[in-house]
């Protein structure tokens, strides 16, 4: 972690550049961090879960507005 005096030639900077450098404001001052990209490891369990989720999304999209409203009401009770 690097502490900055003036990030990016400005008073304040926040956000990421090219998904590698992340600028933020902390209690201790401005910081810039090197962000490592996460590996998207595709496992059998993850693939199965994504398939189930996609199936549920497909079913939801096939419902009409009245049916969706019924489910939303049921979910909020």
PDB file of N, CA and C in Angstrom:
ATOM      1  N   UNK A   1       0.850  -1.162   0.000  1.00  0.00           N
ATOM      2  CA  UNK A   1       0.000   0.000   0.000  1.00  0.00           C
ATOM      3  C   UNK A   1       0.900   1.231   0.000  1.00  0.00           C
ATOM      4  N   UNK A   2       0.562   2.180  -0.846  1.00  0.00           N
ATOM      5  CA  UNK A   2       1.327   3.404  -0.973  1.00  0.00           C
ATOM      6  C   UNK A   2       0.455   4.565  -0.527  1.00  0.00           C
ATOM      7  N   UNK A   3       1.007   5.444   0.314  1.00  0.00           N
ATOM      8  CA  UNK A   3       0.280   6.648   0.705  1.00  0.00           C
ATOM      9  C   UNK A   3       0.684   7.760  -0.252  1.00  0.00           C
ATOM     10  N   UNK A   4      -0.281   8.550  -0.651  1.00  0.00           N
ATOM     11  CA  UNK A   4      -0.051   9.594  -1.645  1.00  0.00           C
ATOM     12  C   UNK A   4      -0.205  10.975  -1.038  1.00  0.00           C
ATOM     13  N   UNK A   5       0.516  11.920  -1.617  1.00  0.00           N
ATOM     14  CA  UNK A   5       0.347  13.322  -1.223  1.00  0.00           C
ATOM     15  C   UNK A   5      -0.737  13.952  -2.091  1.00  0.00           C
ATOM     16  N   UNK A   6      -0.635  13.790  -3.402  1.00  0.00           N
ATOM     17  CA  UNK A   6      -1.671  14.299  -4.308  1.00  0.00           C
ATOM     18  C   UNK A   6      -1.886  13.271  -5.409  1.00  0.00           C
ATOM     19  N   UNK A   7      -2.939  12.469  -5.292  1.00  0.00           N
ATOM     20  CA  UNK A   7      -3.166  11.403  -6.257  1.00  0.00           C
ATOM     21  C   UNK A   7      -3.558  11.932  -7.629  1.00  0.00           C
ATOM     22  N   UNK A   8      -2.902  11.466  -8.650  1.00  0.00           N
ATOM     23  CA  UNK A   8      -3.213  11.817 -10.033  1.00  0.00           C
ATOM     24  C   UNK A   8      -3.260  13.320 -10.266  1.00  0.00           C
ATOM     25  N   UNK A   9      -2.368  14.053  -9.616  1.00  0.00           N
ATOM     26  CA  UNK A   9      -2.270  15.511  -9.776  1.00  0.00           C
ATOM     27  C   UNK A   9      -3.583  16.210  -9.433  1.00  0.00           C
ATOM     28  N   UNK A  10      -4.298  15.722  -8.425  1.00  0.00           N
ATOM     29  CA  UNK A  10      -5.577  16.318  -8.051  1.00  0.00           C
ATOM     30  C   UNK A  10      -5.702  16.352  -6.531  1.00  0.00           C
ATOM     31  N   UNK A  11      -6.763  16.992  -6.072  1.00  0.00           N
ATOM     32  CA  UNK A  11      -7.041  17.054  -4.638  1.00  0.00           C
ATOM     33  C   UNK A  11      -7.410  15.681  -4.091  1.00  0.00           C
ATOM     34  N   UNK A  12      -8.166  14.938  -4.903  1.00  0.00           N
ATOM     35  CA  UNK A  12      -8.700  13.670  -4.429  1.00  0.00           C
ATOM     36  C   UNK A  12      -8.937  12.767  -5.638  1.00  0.00           C
ATOM     37  N   UNK A  13      -8.671  11.481  -5.492  1.00  0.00           N
ATOM     38  CA  UNK A  13      -8.942  10.519  -6.562  1.00  0.00           C
ATOM     39  C   UNK A  13      -9.497   9.254  -5.939  1.00  0.00           C
ATOM     40  N   UNK A  14     -10.436   8.632  -6.648  1.00  0.00           N
ATOM     41  CA  UNK A  14     -10.944   7.342  -6.201  1.00  0.00           C
ATOM     42  C   UNK A  14     -11.367   6.555  -7.435  1.00  0.00           C
ATOM     43  N   UNK A  15     -11.318   5.244  -7.323  1.00  0.00           N
ATOM     44  CA  UNK A  15     -11.670   4.391  -8.440  1.00  0.00           C
ATOM     45  C   UNK A  15     -10.471   3.596  -8.922  1.00  0.00           C
ATOM     46  N   UNK A  16     -10.644   2.920 -10.039  1.00  0.00           N
ATOM     47  CA  UNK A  16      -9.606   2.042 -10.575  1.00  0.00           C
ATOM     48  C   UNK A  16      -9.182   2.478 -11.967  1.00  0.00           C
ATOM     49  N   UNK A  17      -7.958   2.176 -12.289  1.00  0.00           N
ATOM     50  CA  UNK A  17      -7.419   2.409 -13.623  1.00  0.00           C
ATOM     51  C   UNK A  17      -7.050   1.055 -14.199  1.00  0.00           C
ATOM     52  N   UNK A  18      -7.645   0.735 -15.330  1.00  0.00           N
ATOM     53  CA  UNK A  18      -7.348  -0.498 -16.063  1.00  0.00           C
ATOM     54  C   UNK A  18      -7.441  -1.746 -15.188  1.00  0.00           C
ATOM     55  N   UNK A  19      -8.276  -1.710 -14.174  1.00  0.00           N
ATOM     56  CA  UNK A  19      -8.470  -2.841 -13.269  1.00  0.00           C
ATOM     57  C   UNK A  19      -7.201  -3.268 -12.547  1.00  0.00           C
ATOM     58  N   UNK A  20      -6.199  -2.390 -12.492  1.00  0.00           N
ATOM     59  CA  UNK A  20      -4.958  -2.744 -11.801  1.00  0.00           C
ATOM     60  C   UNK A  20      -4.672  -1.842 -10.615  1.00  0.00           C
ATOM     61  N   UNK A  21      -4.788  -0.524 -10.789  1.00  0.00           N
ATOM     62  CA  UNK A  21      -4.525   0.414  -9.707  1.00  0.00           C
ATOM     63  C   UNK A  21      -5.844   0.935  -9.168  1.00  0.00           C
ATOM     64  N   UNK A  22      -5.978   0.890  -7.844  1.00  0.00           N
ATOM     65  CA  UNK A  22      -7.190   1.385  -7.207  1.00  0.00           C
ATOM     66  C   UNK A  22      -6.817   2.512  -6.264  1.00  0.00           C
ATOM     67  N   UNK A  23      -7.439   3.667  -6.464  1.00  0.00           N
ATOM     68  CA  UNK A  23      -7.219   4.835  -5.636  1.00  0.00           C
ATOM     69  C   UNK A  23      -8.372   4.960  -4.658  1.00  0.00           C
ATOM     70  N   UNK A  24      -8.051   5.292  -3.398  1.00  0.00           N
ATOM     71  CA  UNK A  24      -9.107   5.457  -2.406  1.00  0.00           C
ATOM     72  C   UNK A  24      -8.666   6.440  -1.339  1.00  0.00           C
ATOM     73  N   UNK A  25      -9.656   6.941  -0.619  1.00  0.00           N
ATOM     74  CA  UNK A  25      -9.424   7.860   0.486  1.00  0.00           C
ATOM     75  C   UNK A  25      -9.721   7.116   1.776  1.00  0.00           C
ATOM     76  N   UNK A  26      -8.749   7.015   2.656  1.00  0.00           N
ATOM     77  CA  UNK A  26      -8.903   6.312   3.932  1.00  0.00           C
ATOM     78  C   UNK A  26      -8.729   7.294   5.081  1.00  0.00           C
ATOM     79  N   UNK A  27      -8.958   6.836   6.283  1.00  0.00           N
ATOM     80  CA  UNK A  27      -8.755   7.692   7.459  1.00  0.00           C
ATOM     81  C   UNK A  27      -7.316   8.180   7.543  1.00  0.00           C
ATOM     82  N   UNK A  28      -6.394   7.357   7.086  1.00  0.00           N
ATOM     83  CA  UNK A  28      -4.975   7.699   7.153  1.00  0.00           C
ATOM     84  C   UNK A  28      -4.513   8.549   5.982  1.00  0.00           C
ATOM     85  N   UNK A  29      -5.391   8.785   4.997  1.00  0.00           N
ATOM     86  CA  UNK A  29      -5.043   9.609   3.840  1.00  0.00           C
ATOM     87  C   UNK A  29      -5.344   8.890   2.536  1.00  0.00           C
ATOM     88  N   UNK A  30      -4.858   9.465   1.438  1.00  0.00           N
ATOM     89  CA  UNK A  30      -5.072   8.874   0.116  1.00  0.00           C
ATOM     90  C   UNK A  30      -4.182   7.658  -0.065  1.00  0.00           C
ATOM     91  N   UNK A  31      -4.714   6.648  -0.743  1.00  0.00           N
ATOM     92  CA  UNK A  31      -3.950   5.428  -0.976  1.00  0.00           C
ATOM     93  C   UNK A  31      -4.125   4.972  -2.414  1.00  0.00           C
ATOM     94  N   UNK A  32      -3.123   4.257  -2.895  1.00  0.00           N
ATOM     95  CA  UNK A  32      -3.237   3.560  -4.171  1.00  0.00           C
ATOM     96  C   UNK A  32      -2.785   2.121  -3.929  1.00  0.00           C
ATOM     97  N   UNK A  33      -3.580   1.182  -4.432  1.00  0.00           N
ATOM     98  CA  UNK A  33      -3.279  -0.244  -4.224  1.00  0.00           C
ATOM     99  C   UNK A  33      -3.199  -0.948  -5.564  1.00  0.00           C
ATOM    100  N   UNK A  34      -2.345  -1.931  -5.643  1.00  0.00           N
ATOM    101  CA  UNK A  34      -2.236  -2.779  -6.821  1.00  0.00           C
ATOM    102  C   UNK A  34      -3.250  -3.898  -6.656  1.00  0.00           C
ATOM    103  N   UNK A  35      -4.193  -3.999  -7.585  1.00  0.00           N
ATOM    104  CA  UNK A  35      -5.238  -5.013  -7.510  1.00  0.00           C
ATOM    105  C   UNK A  35      -4.866  -6.192  -8.409  1.00  0.00           C
ATOM    106  N   UNK A  36      -4.765  -7.349  -7.814  1.00  0.00           N
ATOM    107  CA  UNK A  36      -4.531  -8.553  -8.602  1.00  0.00           C
ATOM    108  C   UNK A  36      -5.857  -9.031  -9.157  1.00  0.00           C
ATOM    109  N   UNK A  37      -5.871  -9.436 -10.398  1.00  0.00           N
ATOM    110  CA  UNK A  37      -7.099  -9.957 -10.987  1.00  0.00           C
ATOM    111  C   UNK A  37      -7.398 -11.330 -10.396  1.00  0.00           C
ATOM    112  N   UNK A  38      -8.673 -11.564 -10.144  1.00  0.00           N
ATOM    113  CA  UNK A  38      -9.111 -12.852  -9.626  1.00  0.00           C
ATOM    114  C   UNK A  38      -9.196 -13.853 -10.770  1.00  0.00           C
ATOM    115  N   UNK A  39      -8.754 -15.058 -10.490  1.00  0.00           N
ATOM    116  CA  UNK A  39      -8.883 -16.108 -11.496  1.00  0.00           C
ATOM    117  C   UNK A  39     -10.306 -16.654 -11.451  1.00  0.00           C
ATOM    118  N   UNK A  40     -10.888 -16.851 -12.608  1.00  0.00           N
ATOM    119  CA  UNK A  40     -12.230 -17.414 -12.695  1.00  0.00           C
ATOM    120  C   UNK A  40     -12.080 -18.927 -12.882  1.00  0.00           C
ATOM    121  N   UNK A  41     -11.929 -19.620 -11.760  1.00  0.00           N
ATOM    122  CA  UNK A  41     -11.749 -21.066 -11.789  1.00  0.00           C
ATOM    123  C   UNK A  41     -13.108 -21.720 -12.010  1.00  0.00           C
ATOM    124  N   UNK A  42     -13.225 -22.432 -13.099  1.00  0.00           N
ATOM    125  CA  UNK A  42     -14.489 -23.081 -13.420  1.00  0.00           C
ATOM    126  C   UNK A  42     -14.449 -24.507 -12.891  1.00  0.00           C
ATOM    127  N   UNK A  43     -15.259 -24.733 -11.842  1.00  0.00           N
ATOM    128  CA  UNK A  43     -15.332 -26.059 -11.247  1.00  0.00           C
ATOM    129  C   UNK A  43     -16.676 -26.688 -11.607  1.00  0.00           C
ATOM    130  N   UNK A  44     -16.792 -27.959 -11.349  1.00  0.00           N
ATOM    131  CA  UNK A  44     -18.043 -28.667 -11.635  1.00  0.00           C
ATOM    132  C   UNK A  44     -19.187 -28.098 -10.798  1.00  0.00           C
ATOM    133  N   UNK A  45     -18.924 -27.816  -9.523  1.00  0.00           N
ATOM    134  CA  UNK A  45     -19.965 -27.270  -8.641  1.00  0.00           C
ATOM    135  C   UNK A  45     -20.404 -25.876  -9.111  1.00  0.00           C
ATOM    136  N   UNK A  46     -19.450 -25.060  -9.537  1.00  0.00           N
ATOM    137  CA  UNK A  46     -19.778 -23.718 -10.003  1.00  0.00           C
ATOM    138  C   UNK A  46     -20.604 -23.768 -11.289  1.00  0.00           C
ATOM    139  N   UNK A  47     -20.227 -24.657 -12.198  1.00  0.00           N
ATOM    140  CA  UNK A  47     -20.963 -24.814 -13.445  1.00  0.00           C
ATOM    141  C   UNK A  47     -22.390 -25.282 -13.163  1.00  0.00           C
ATOM    142  N   UNK A  48     -22.550 -26.212 -12.239  1.00  0.00           N
ATOM    143  CA  UNK A  48     -23.876 -26.711 -11.870  1.00  0.00           C
ATOM    144  C   UNK A  48     -24.731 -25.589 -11.285  1.00  0.00           C
ATOM    145  N   UNK A  49     -24.139 -24.774 -10.409  1.00  0.00           N
ATOM    146  CA  UNK A  49     -24.885 -23.672  -9.790  1.00  0.00           C
ATOM    147  C   UNK A  49     -25.288 -22.635 -10.842  1.00  0.00           C
ATOM    148  N   UNK A  50     -24.394 -22.309 -11.756  1.00  0.00           N
ATOM    149  CA  UNK A  50     -24.712 -21.348 -12.813  1.00  0.00           C
ATOM    150  C   UNK A  50     -25.823 -21.869 -13.720  1.00  0.00           C
ATOM    151  N   UNK A  51     -25.824 -23.166 -13.976  1.00  0.00           N
ATOM    152  CA  UNK A  51     -26.866 -23.773 -14.803  1.00  0.00           C
ATOM    153  C   UNK A  51     -28.221 -23.667 -14.105  1.00  0.00           C
ATOM    154  N   UNK A  52     -28.250 -23.957 -12.803  1.00  0.00           N
ATOM    155  CA  UNK A  52     -29.497 -23.854 -12.036  1.00  0.00           C
ATOM    156  C   UNK A  52     -30.005 -22.410 -12.041  1.00  0.00           C
ATOM    157  N   UNK A  53     -29.103 -21.469 -11.844  1.00  0.00           N
ATOM    158  CA  UNK A  53     -29.495 -20.062 -11.812  1.00  0.00           C
ATOM    159  C   UNK A  53     -30.045 -19.622 -13.166  1.00  0.00           C
ATOM    160  N   UNK A  54     -29.388 -20.026 -14.238  1.00  0.00           N
ATOM    161  CA  UNK A  54     -29.852 -19.681 -15.589  1.00  0.00           C
ATOM    162  C   UNK A  54     -31.234 -20.260 -15.859  1.00  0.00           C
ATOM    163  N   UNK A  55     -31.489 -21.471 -15.396  1.00  0.00           N
ATOM    164  CA  UNK A  55     -32.795 -22.099 -15.558  1.00  0.00           C
ATOM    165  C   UNK A  55     -33.872 -21.302 -14.823  1.00  0.00           C
ATOM    166  N   UNK A  56     -33.578 -20.885 -13.599  1.00  0.00           N
ATOM    167  CA  UNK A  56     -34.538 -20.095 -12.823  1.00  0.00           C
ATOM    168  C   UNK A  56     -34.805 -18.745 -13.482  1.00  0.00           C
ATOM    169  N   UNK A  57     -33.777 -18.109 -14.023  1.00  0.00           N
ATOM    170  CA  UNK A  57     -33.957 -16.835 -14.732  1.00  0.00           C
ATOM    171  C   UNK A  57     -34.854 -17.046 -15.941  1.00  0.00           C
ATOM    172  N   UNK A  58     -34.646 -18.134 -16.647  1.00  0.00           N
ATOM    173  CA  UNK A  58     -35.464 -18.442 -17.812  1.00  0.00           C
ATOM    174  C   UNK A  58     -36.931 -18.624 -17.417  1.00  0.00           C
ATOM    175  N   UNK A  59     -37.168 -19.350 -16.325  1.00  0.00           N
ATOM    176  CA  UNK A  59     -38.540 -19.551 -15.848  1.00  0.00           C
ATOM    177  C   UNK A  59     -39.167 -18.216 -15.451  1.00  0.00           C
ATOM    178  N   UNK A  60     -38.414 -17.379 -14.751  1.00  0.00           N
ATOM    179  CA  UNK A  60     -38.926 -16.076 -14.316  1.00  0.00           C
ATOM    180  C   UNK A  60     -39.327 -15.224 -15.525  1.00  0.00           C
ATOM    181  N   UNK A  61     -38.496 -15.234 -16.553  1.00  0.00           N
ATOM    182  CA  UNK A  61     -38.770 -14.426 -17.740  1.00  0.00           C
ATOM    183  C   UNK A  61     -39.995 -14.920 -18.518  1.00  0.00           C
ATOM    184  N   UNK A  62     -40.400 -16.150 -18.293  1.00  0.00           N
ATOM    185  CA  UNK A  62     -41.579 -16.689 -18.967  1.00  0.00           C
ATOM    186  C   UNK A  62     -42.883 -16.323 -18.249  1.00  0.00           C
ATOM    187  N   UNK A  63     -42.788 -15.823 -17.026  1.00  0.00           N
ATOM    188  CA  UNK A  63     -43.990 -15.438 -16.281  1.00  0.00           C
ATOM    189  C   UNK A  63     -44.549 -14.131 -16.828  1.00  0.00           C
ATOM    190  N   UNK A  64     -45.877 -13.970 -16.706  1.00  0.00           N
ATOM    191  CA  UNK A  64     -46.472 -12.688 -17.093  1.00  0.00           C
ATOM    192  C   UNK A  64     -46.396 -11.734 -15.898  1.00  0.00           C
ATOM    193  N   UNK A  65     -46.803 -10.490 -16.100  1.00  0.00           N
ATOM    194  CA  UNK A  65     -46.682  -9.455 -15.061  1.00  0.00           C
ATOM    195  C   UNK A  65     -47.472  -9.808 -13.802  1.00  0.00           C
ATOM    196  N   UNK A  66     -48.665 -10.388 -13.962  1.00  0.00           N
ATOM    197  CA  UNK A  66     -49.497 -10.755 -12.810  1.00  0.00           C
ATOM    198  C   UNK A  66     -48.822 -11.838 -11.975  1.00  0.00           C
ATOM    199  N   UNK A  67     -48.287 -12.838 -12.646  1.00  0.00           N
ATOM    200  CA  UNK A  67     -47.606 -13.927 -11.930  1.00  0.00           C
ATOM    201  C   UNK A  67     -46.361 -13.411 -11.205  1.00  0.00           C
ATOM    202  N   UNK A  68     -45.620 -12.539 -11.856  1.00  0.00           N
ATOM    203  CA  UNK A  68     -44.425 -11.963 -11.206  1.00  0.00           C
ATOM    204  C   UNK A  68     -44.824 -11.174  -9.966  1.00  0.00           C
ATOM    205  N   UNK A  69     -45.904 -10.404 -10.064  1.00  0.00           N
ATOM    206  CA  UNK A  69     -46.381  -9.607  -8.931  1.00  0.00           C
ATOM    207  C   UNK A  69     -46.785 -10.511  -7.772  1.00  0.00           C
ATOM    208  N   UNK A  70     -47.428 -11.629  -8.075  1.00  0.00           N
ATOM    209  CA  UNK A  70     -47.824 -12.583  -7.023  1.00  0.00           C
ATOM    210  C   UNK A  70     -46.584 -13.116  -6.294  1.00  0.00           C
ATOM    211  N   UNK A  71     -45.567 -13.497  -7.049  1.00  0.00           N
ATOM    212  CA  UNK A  71     -44.343 -14.003  -6.442  1.00  0.00           C
ATOM    213  C   UNK A  71     -43.641 -12.926  -5.619  1.00  0.00           C
ATOM    214  N   UNK A  72     -43.623 -11.693  -6.119  1.00  0.00           N
ATOM    215  CA  UNK A  72     -42.979 -10.609  -5.380  1.00  0.00           C
ATOM    216  C   UNK A  72     -43.730 -10.316  -4.089  1.00  0.00           C
ATOM    217  N   UNK A  73     -45.064 -10.368  -4.120  1.00  0.00           N
ATOM    218  CA  UNK A  73     -45.864 -10.170  -2.919  1.00  0.00           C
ATOM    219  C   UNK A  73     -45.607 -11.281  -1.921  1.00  0.00           C
ATOM    220  N   UNK A  74     -45.554 -12.505  -2.421  1.00  0.00           N
ATOM    221  CA  UNK A  74     -45.286 -13.670  -1.561  1.00  0.00           C
ATOM    222  C   UNK A  74     -43.900 -13.566  -0.930  1.00  0.00           C
ATOM    223  N   UNK A  75     -42.927 -13.096  -1.699  1.00  0.00           N
ATOM    224  CA  UNK A  75     -41.563 -12.976  -1.192  1.00  0.00           C
ATOM    225  C   UNK A  75     -41.398 -11.882  -0.158  1.00  0.00           C
ATOM    226  N   UNK A  76     -42.237 -10.861  -0.202  1.00  0.00           N
ATOM    227  CA  UNK A  76     -42.129  -9.739   0.742  1.00  0.00           C
ATOM    228  C   UNK A  76     -42.905  -9.959   2.030  1.00  0.00           C
ATOM    229  N   UNK A  77     -43.661 -11.067   2.108  1.00  0.00           N
ATOM    230  CA  UNK A  77     -44.458 -11.285   3.326  1.00  0.00           C
ATOM    231  C   UNK A  77     -43.702 -12.065   4.377  1.00  0.00           C
TER     232      UNK A  77
END
